[in-house]
N, C-alpha and C. Protein backbone atom coordinates (compact mmCIF):
# COMPACT_ATOMS: atom_id res chain seq x y z
N MET A 1 -13.82 49.38 60.65
CA MET A 1 -13.65 50.81 60.42
C MET A 1 -12.18 51.08 60.10
N TYR A 2 -11.97 52.10 59.31
CA TYR A 2 -10.62 52.47 58.91
C TYR A 2 -9.88 53.16 60.06
N ASP A 3 -8.56 52.97 60.10
CA ASP A 3 -7.76 53.64 61.11
C ASP A 3 -7.64 55.13 60.82
N LYS A 4 -7.47 55.48 59.55
CA LYS A 4 -7.32 56.87 59.15
C LYS A 4 -8.56 57.29 58.36
N PHE A 5 -9.41 58.09 58.99
CA PHE A 5 -10.66 58.53 58.38
C PHE A 5 -10.84 60.00 58.69
N ASP A 6 -10.73 60.85 57.68
CA ASP A 6 -10.81 62.30 57.87
C ASP A 6 -12.01 62.86 57.14
N ILE A 7 -12.71 63.79 57.77
CA ILE A 7 -13.83 64.49 57.15
C ILE A 7 -13.55 65.98 57.23
N HIS A 8 -13.58 66.65 56.07
CA HIS A 8 -13.30 68.08 56.00
C HIS A 8 -14.48 68.79 55.34
N GLY A 9 -14.68 70.03 55.70
CA GLY A 9 -15.68 70.86 55.06
C GLY A 9 -15.02 72.05 54.40
N VAL A 10 -15.41 72.33 53.16
CA VAL A 10 -14.88 73.47 52.42
C VAL A 10 -16.04 74.42 52.13
N HIS A 11 -15.92 75.65 52.57
CA HIS A 11 -16.95 76.68 52.41
C HIS A 11 -18.27 76.28 53.07
N ALA A 12 -18.21 75.43 54.07
CA ALA A 12 -19.42 74.99 54.76
C ALA A 12 -19.06 74.54 56.16
N SER A 13 -19.99 74.75 57.08
CA SER A 13 -19.82 74.19 58.42
C SER A 13 -20.56 72.86 58.45
N ILE A 14 -19.86 71.82 58.82
CA ILE A 14 -20.41 70.48 58.77
C ILE A 14 -21.03 70.14 60.12
N ASP A 15 -22.30 69.76 60.09
CA ASP A 15 -23.01 69.36 61.31
C ASP A 15 -22.49 68.02 61.82
N PRO A 16 -22.61 67.76 63.11
CA PRO A 16 -22.25 66.43 63.63
C PRO A 16 -23.10 65.31 63.02
N LYS A 17 -24.34 65.62 62.65
CA LYS A 17 -25.19 64.60 62.01
C LYS A 17 -24.62 64.18 60.67
N VAL A 18 -24.16 65.15 59.89
CA VAL A 18 -23.58 64.85 58.58
C VAL A 18 -22.29 64.07 58.74
N LYS A 19 -21.47 64.45 59.73
CA LYS A 19 -20.21 63.73 59.97
C LYS A 19 -20.46 62.28 60.37
N SER A 20 -21.40 62.07 61.27
CA SER A 20 -21.69 60.69 61.69
C SER A 20 -22.31 59.89 60.55
N TYR A 21 -23.13 60.53 59.73
CA TYR A 21 -23.73 59.85 58.58
C TYR A 21 -22.65 59.43 57.58
N ALA A 22 -21.71 60.33 57.29
CA ALA A 22 -20.63 60.01 56.36
C ALA A 22 -19.74 58.90 56.93
N ARG A 23 -19.46 58.97 58.23
CA ARG A 23 -18.63 57.93 58.86
C ARG A 23 -19.33 56.58 58.80
N LYS A 24 -20.65 56.57 58.99
CA LYS A 24 -21.40 55.31 58.96
C LYS A 24 -21.46 54.74 57.54
N LYS A 25 -21.78 55.58 56.56
CA LYS A 25 -21.95 55.11 55.19
C LYS A 25 -20.64 54.70 54.53
N ILE A 26 -19.63 55.55 54.63
CA ILE A 26 -18.35 55.27 53.98
C ILE A 26 -17.54 54.29 54.83
N GLY A 27 -17.70 54.33 56.13
CA GLY A 27 -16.93 53.47 57.02
C GLY A 27 -17.28 52.00 56.91
N HIS A 28 -18.52 51.69 56.54
CA HIS A 28 -18.89 50.27 56.47
C HIS A 28 -18.39 49.61 55.19
N LEU A 29 -17.79 50.37 54.29
CA LEU A 29 -17.29 49.79 53.04
C LEU A 29 -15.99 49.00 53.24
N ASP A 30 -15.45 48.99 54.45
CA ASP A 30 -14.22 48.24 54.70
C ASP A 30 -14.44 46.74 54.58
N LYS A 31 -15.68 46.28 54.58
CA LYS A 31 -15.92 44.84 54.44
C LYS A 31 -15.61 44.34 53.03
N TYR A 32 -15.42 45.25 52.09
CA TYR A 32 -15.07 44.86 50.73
C TYR A 32 -13.57 44.79 50.51
N LEU A 33 -12.78 44.99 51.56
CA LEU A 33 -11.33 44.97 51.45
C LEU A 33 -10.74 43.80 52.22
N SER A 34 -9.54 43.40 51.83
CA SER A 34 -8.84 42.36 52.56
C SER A 34 -8.27 42.95 53.86
N LYS A 35 -7.80 42.09 54.73
CA LYS A 35 -7.27 42.56 56.02
C LYS A 35 -6.07 43.49 55.83
N HIS A 36 -5.20 43.13 54.90
CA HIS A 36 -4.02 43.94 54.65
C HIS A 36 -4.41 45.33 54.12
N ALA A 37 -5.36 45.36 53.22
CA ALA A 37 -5.79 46.64 52.65
C ALA A 37 -6.52 47.49 53.69
N LYS A 38 -7.26 46.86 54.59
CA LYS A 38 -7.97 47.61 55.65
C LYS A 38 -6.99 48.33 56.56
N GLN A 39 -5.90 47.66 56.89
CA GLN A 39 -4.94 48.23 57.84
C GLN A 39 -4.20 49.42 57.25
N SER A 40 -3.97 49.42 55.96
CA SER A 40 -3.18 50.50 55.37
C SER A 40 -4.03 51.50 54.59
N ALA A 41 -5.35 51.37 54.61
CA ALA A 41 -6.22 52.29 53.87
C ALA A 41 -6.34 53.63 54.59
N HIS A 42 -6.43 54.67 53.80
CA HIS A 42 -6.62 56.03 54.32
C HIS A 42 -7.78 56.65 53.55
N VAL A 43 -8.81 57.11 54.26
CA VAL A 43 -10.00 57.66 53.63
C VAL A 43 -10.12 59.14 54.00
N GLU A 44 -10.37 59.95 53.00
CA GLU A 44 -10.55 61.38 53.22
C GLU A 44 -11.83 61.81 52.52
N VAL A 45 -12.78 62.34 53.29
CA VAL A 45 -14.06 62.81 52.76
C VAL A 45 -14.05 64.34 52.82
N THR A 46 -14.29 64.96 51.67
CA THR A 46 -14.34 66.41 51.59
C THR A 46 -15.74 66.82 51.16
N LEU A 47 -16.39 67.62 51.99
CA LEU A 47 -17.74 68.10 51.70
C LEU A 47 -17.66 69.58 51.35
N LYS A 48 -18.17 69.94 50.17
CA LYS A 48 -18.09 71.32 49.68
C LYS A 48 -19.49 71.85 49.42
N GLU A 49 -19.65 73.13 49.68
CA GLU A 49 -20.91 73.79 49.37
C GLU A 49 -20.65 74.85 48.31
N GLY A 50 -21.39 74.77 47.20
CA GLY A 50 -21.21 75.71 46.10
C GLY A 50 -22.10 76.93 46.25
N LYS A 51 -22.27 77.62 45.15
CA LYS A 51 -23.08 78.83 45.15
C LYS A 51 -24.56 78.50 45.22
N ALA A 52 -25.36 79.40 45.73
CA ALA A 52 -26.79 79.17 45.93
C ALA A 52 -27.54 79.06 44.62
N LYS A 53 -27.01 79.59 43.53
CA LYS A 53 -27.70 79.54 42.24
C LYS A 53 -27.70 78.13 41.65
N ASN A 54 -26.72 77.35 41.96
CA ASN A 54 -26.58 76.01 41.39
C ASN A 54 -27.55 75.04 42.05
N LYS A 55 -28.21 74.20 41.24
CA LYS A 55 -29.18 73.24 41.77
C LYS A 55 -28.48 72.16 42.61
N ASN A 56 -27.44 71.56 42.06
CA ASN A 56 -26.66 70.55 42.78
C ASN A 56 -25.44 71.23 43.37
N ARG A 57 -25.62 71.90 44.47
CA ARG A 57 -24.54 72.71 45.01
C ARG A 57 -23.74 72.03 46.10
N PHE A 58 -24.19 70.90 46.61
CA PHE A 58 -23.46 70.20 47.66
C PHE A 58 -22.66 69.06 47.03
N THR A 59 -21.36 69.07 47.28
CA THR A 59 -20.46 68.10 46.65
C THR A 59 -19.78 67.27 47.72
N CYS A 60 -19.72 65.96 47.47
CA CYS A 60 -19.00 65.03 48.34
C CYS A 60 -17.89 64.39 47.52
N GLU A 61 -16.66 64.56 47.98
CA GLU A 61 -15.52 63.97 47.31
C GLU A 61 -14.84 63.00 48.27
N VAL A 62 -14.74 61.74 47.86
CA VAL A 62 -14.14 60.71 48.70
C VAL A 62 -12.86 60.23 48.02
N SER A 63 -11.77 60.29 48.75
CA SER A 63 -10.48 59.82 48.26
C SER A 63 -10.02 58.69 49.17
N MET A 64 -9.84 57.51 48.59
CA MET A 64 -9.43 56.34 49.36
C MET A 64 -8.09 55.84 48.83
N VAL A 65 -7.08 55.91 49.67
CA VAL A 65 -5.74 55.47 49.30
C VAL A 65 -5.58 54.03 49.76
N LEU A 66 -5.39 53.13 48.81
CA LEU A 66 -5.24 51.69 49.06
C LEU A 66 -3.83 51.27 48.67
N PRO A 67 -3.40 50.06 49.03
CA PRO A 67 -2.01 49.66 48.77
C PRO A 67 -1.55 49.77 47.32
N LYS A 68 -2.38 49.42 46.34
CA LYS A 68 -1.93 49.44 44.96
C LYS A 68 -2.65 50.45 44.09
N GLN A 69 -3.57 51.21 44.68
CA GLN A 69 -4.39 52.09 43.87
C GLN A 69 -5.02 53.17 44.75
N THR A 70 -5.38 54.28 44.14
CA THR A 70 -6.12 55.33 44.82
C THR A 70 -7.47 55.49 44.13
N LEU A 71 -8.55 55.40 44.90
CA LEU A 71 -9.89 55.54 44.35
C LEU A 71 -10.43 56.92 44.72
N ILE A 72 -10.96 57.63 43.72
CA ILE A 72 -11.51 58.96 43.95
C ILE A 72 -12.90 59.03 43.35
N VAL A 73 -13.85 59.47 44.16
CA VAL A 73 -15.23 59.64 43.72
C VAL A 73 -15.67 61.05 44.07
N LYS A 74 -16.30 61.73 43.11
CA LYS A 74 -16.78 63.09 43.34
C LYS A 74 -18.21 63.18 42.82
N GLU A 75 -19.13 63.50 43.73
CA GLU A 75 -20.54 63.56 43.37
C GLU A 75 -21.18 64.83 43.92
N SER A 76 -22.13 65.38 43.17
CA SER A 76 -22.88 66.56 43.60
C SER A 76 -24.36 66.21 43.67
N ALA A 77 -25.05 66.85 44.62
CA ALA A 77 -26.48 66.59 44.79
C ALA A 77 -27.14 67.79 45.47
N VAL A 78 -28.42 67.63 45.78
CA VAL A 78 -29.22 68.69 46.37
C VAL A 78 -28.82 68.96 47.82
N ASN A 79 -28.42 67.91 48.56
CA ASN A 79 -27.95 68.09 49.94
C ASN A 79 -26.79 67.14 50.21
N PHE A 80 -26.16 67.30 51.37
CA PHE A 80 -24.99 66.48 51.70
C PHE A 80 -25.35 65.01 51.83
N PHE A 81 -26.51 64.70 52.38
CA PHE A 81 -26.88 63.31 52.62
C PHE A 81 -27.01 62.54 51.31
N SER A 82 -27.67 63.12 50.32
CA SER A 82 -27.82 62.42 49.05
C SER A 82 -26.49 62.35 48.29
N ALA A 83 -25.65 63.36 48.43
CA ALA A 83 -24.33 63.31 47.79
C ALA A 83 -23.49 62.18 48.39
N ILE A 84 -23.57 62.01 49.71
CA ILE A 84 -22.84 60.93 50.37
C ILE A 84 -23.37 59.57 49.92
N ASP A 85 -24.69 59.44 49.78
CA ASP A 85 -25.28 58.18 49.32
C ASP A 85 -24.81 57.80 47.93
N ILE A 86 -24.81 58.76 47.02
CA ILE A 86 -24.39 58.48 45.65
C ILE A 86 -22.91 58.11 45.61
N ALA A 87 -22.10 58.84 46.35
CA ALA A 87 -20.66 58.54 46.39
C ALA A 87 -20.41 57.17 47.00
N GLU A 88 -21.18 56.80 48.01
CA GLU A 88 -21.03 55.49 48.64
C GLU A 88 -21.34 54.36 47.66
N THR A 89 -22.38 54.52 46.85
CA THR A 89 -22.75 53.51 45.87
C THR A 89 -21.66 53.33 44.83
N LYS A 90 -21.14 54.44 44.32
CA LYS A 90 -20.09 54.35 43.31
C LYS A 90 -18.80 53.78 43.89
N LEU A 91 -18.49 54.15 45.12
CA LEU A 91 -17.28 53.64 45.76
C LEU A 91 -17.39 52.14 46.03
N LYS A 92 -18.58 51.69 46.35
CA LYS A 92 -18.79 50.26 46.58
C LYS A 92 -18.49 49.47 45.31
N GLN A 93 -18.96 49.96 44.16
CA GLN A 93 -18.68 49.29 42.89
C GLN A 93 -17.20 49.29 42.58
N MET A 94 -16.53 50.40 42.84
CA MET A 94 -15.10 50.48 42.59
C MET A 94 -14.31 49.55 43.50
N LEU A 95 -14.74 49.41 44.76
CA LEU A 95 -14.05 48.52 45.69
C LEU A 95 -14.24 47.06 45.30
N GLN A 96 -15.42 46.70 44.81
CA GLN A 96 -15.63 45.33 44.36
C GLN A 96 -14.72 45.00 43.18
N LYS A 97 -14.57 45.94 42.26
CA LYS A 97 -13.68 45.74 41.12
C LYS A 97 -12.22 45.68 41.59
N TYR A 98 -11.85 46.53 42.56
CA TYR A 98 -10.50 46.51 43.12
C TYR A 98 -10.19 45.15 43.74
N LYS A 99 -11.15 44.62 44.48
CA LYS A 99 -10.95 43.33 45.15
C LYS A 99 -10.78 42.21 44.13
N GLN A 100 -11.53 42.27 43.03
CA GLN A 100 -11.41 41.24 42.01
C GLN A 100 -10.05 41.30 41.31
N THR A 101 -9.57 42.49 41.04
CA THR A 101 -8.32 42.61 40.29
C THR A 101 -7.09 42.37 41.16
N HIS A 102 -7.17 42.68 42.45
CA HIS A 102 -5.99 42.57 43.31
C HIS A 102 -6.03 41.39 44.26
N SER A 103 -6.99 40.50 44.11
CA SER A 103 -6.97 39.30 44.96
C SER A 103 -5.94 38.33 44.41
N ASP A 104 -5.41 37.50 45.28
CA ASP A 104 -4.34 36.59 44.86
C ASP A 104 -4.85 35.36 44.13
N GLY A 105 -6.12 35.05 44.19
CA GLY A 105 -6.68 33.95 43.44
C GLY A 105 -6.54 32.59 44.08
N LYS A 106 -6.17 32.50 45.35
CA LYS A 106 -6.02 31.21 46.01
C LYS A 106 -7.34 30.47 46.07
N LEU A 107 -8.41 31.18 46.33
CA LEU A 107 -9.72 30.55 46.40
C LEU A 107 -10.10 29.93 45.07
N HIS A 108 -9.87 30.64 43.98
CA HIS A 108 -10.22 30.13 42.67
C HIS A 108 -9.37 28.91 42.30
N ARG A 109 -8.09 28.92 42.70
CA ARG A 109 -7.24 27.77 42.41
C ARG A 109 -7.69 26.55 43.19
N ARG A 110 -8.10 26.76 44.47
CA ARG A 110 -8.56 25.62 45.26
C ARG A 110 -9.85 25.04 44.69
N LEU A 111 -10.77 25.90 44.31
CA LEU A 111 -12.03 25.42 43.73
C LEU A 111 -11.80 24.72 42.41
N PHE A 112 -10.91 25.25 41.59
CA PHE A 112 -10.61 24.63 40.31
C PHE A 112 -9.96 23.26 40.52
N ALA A 113 -9.06 23.16 41.49
CA ALA A 113 -8.39 21.89 41.77
C ALA A 113 -9.41 20.86 42.29
N ARG A 114 -10.35 21.29 43.10
CA ARG A 114 -11.34 20.38 43.65
C ARG A 114 -12.23 19.81 42.54
N PHE A 115 -12.65 20.65 41.61
CA PHE A 115 -13.54 20.18 40.55
C PHE A 115 -12.81 19.45 39.45
N SER A 116 -11.53 19.69 39.28
CA SER A 116 -10.79 19.00 38.23
C SER A 116 -10.45 17.57 38.65
N ARG A 117 -10.39 17.30 39.96
CA ARG A 117 -10.12 15.93 40.43
C ARG A 117 -11.32 15.02 40.24
N ALA A 118 -12.50 15.56 40.27
CA ALA A 118 -13.71 14.75 40.21
C ALA A 118 -14.01 14.24 38.83
């Protein structure tokens, strides 16, 4: 779990169920980060409720500050739970790409050296 994890509600009162759901879904994404990135990551989840006329009026915005990059995902849906699910899926893909681009490549060098000797 992240050390800095904030959940805010804008124009809506956030239930404890929604807060715990967001903490569970977004909080488990730390397994896609290195130890160094986990320690310095800061996650901020903002849940907004729009006007009643709009079909997708519940918005989940996740901002994750990492050592070399900031990832921002903003999704709207019919309720908070589905908006959090969609944001979690997109954030997972972004974290996997972040890990590939910012890894040091020691594992790949070791594997390449092992197969080149044979």
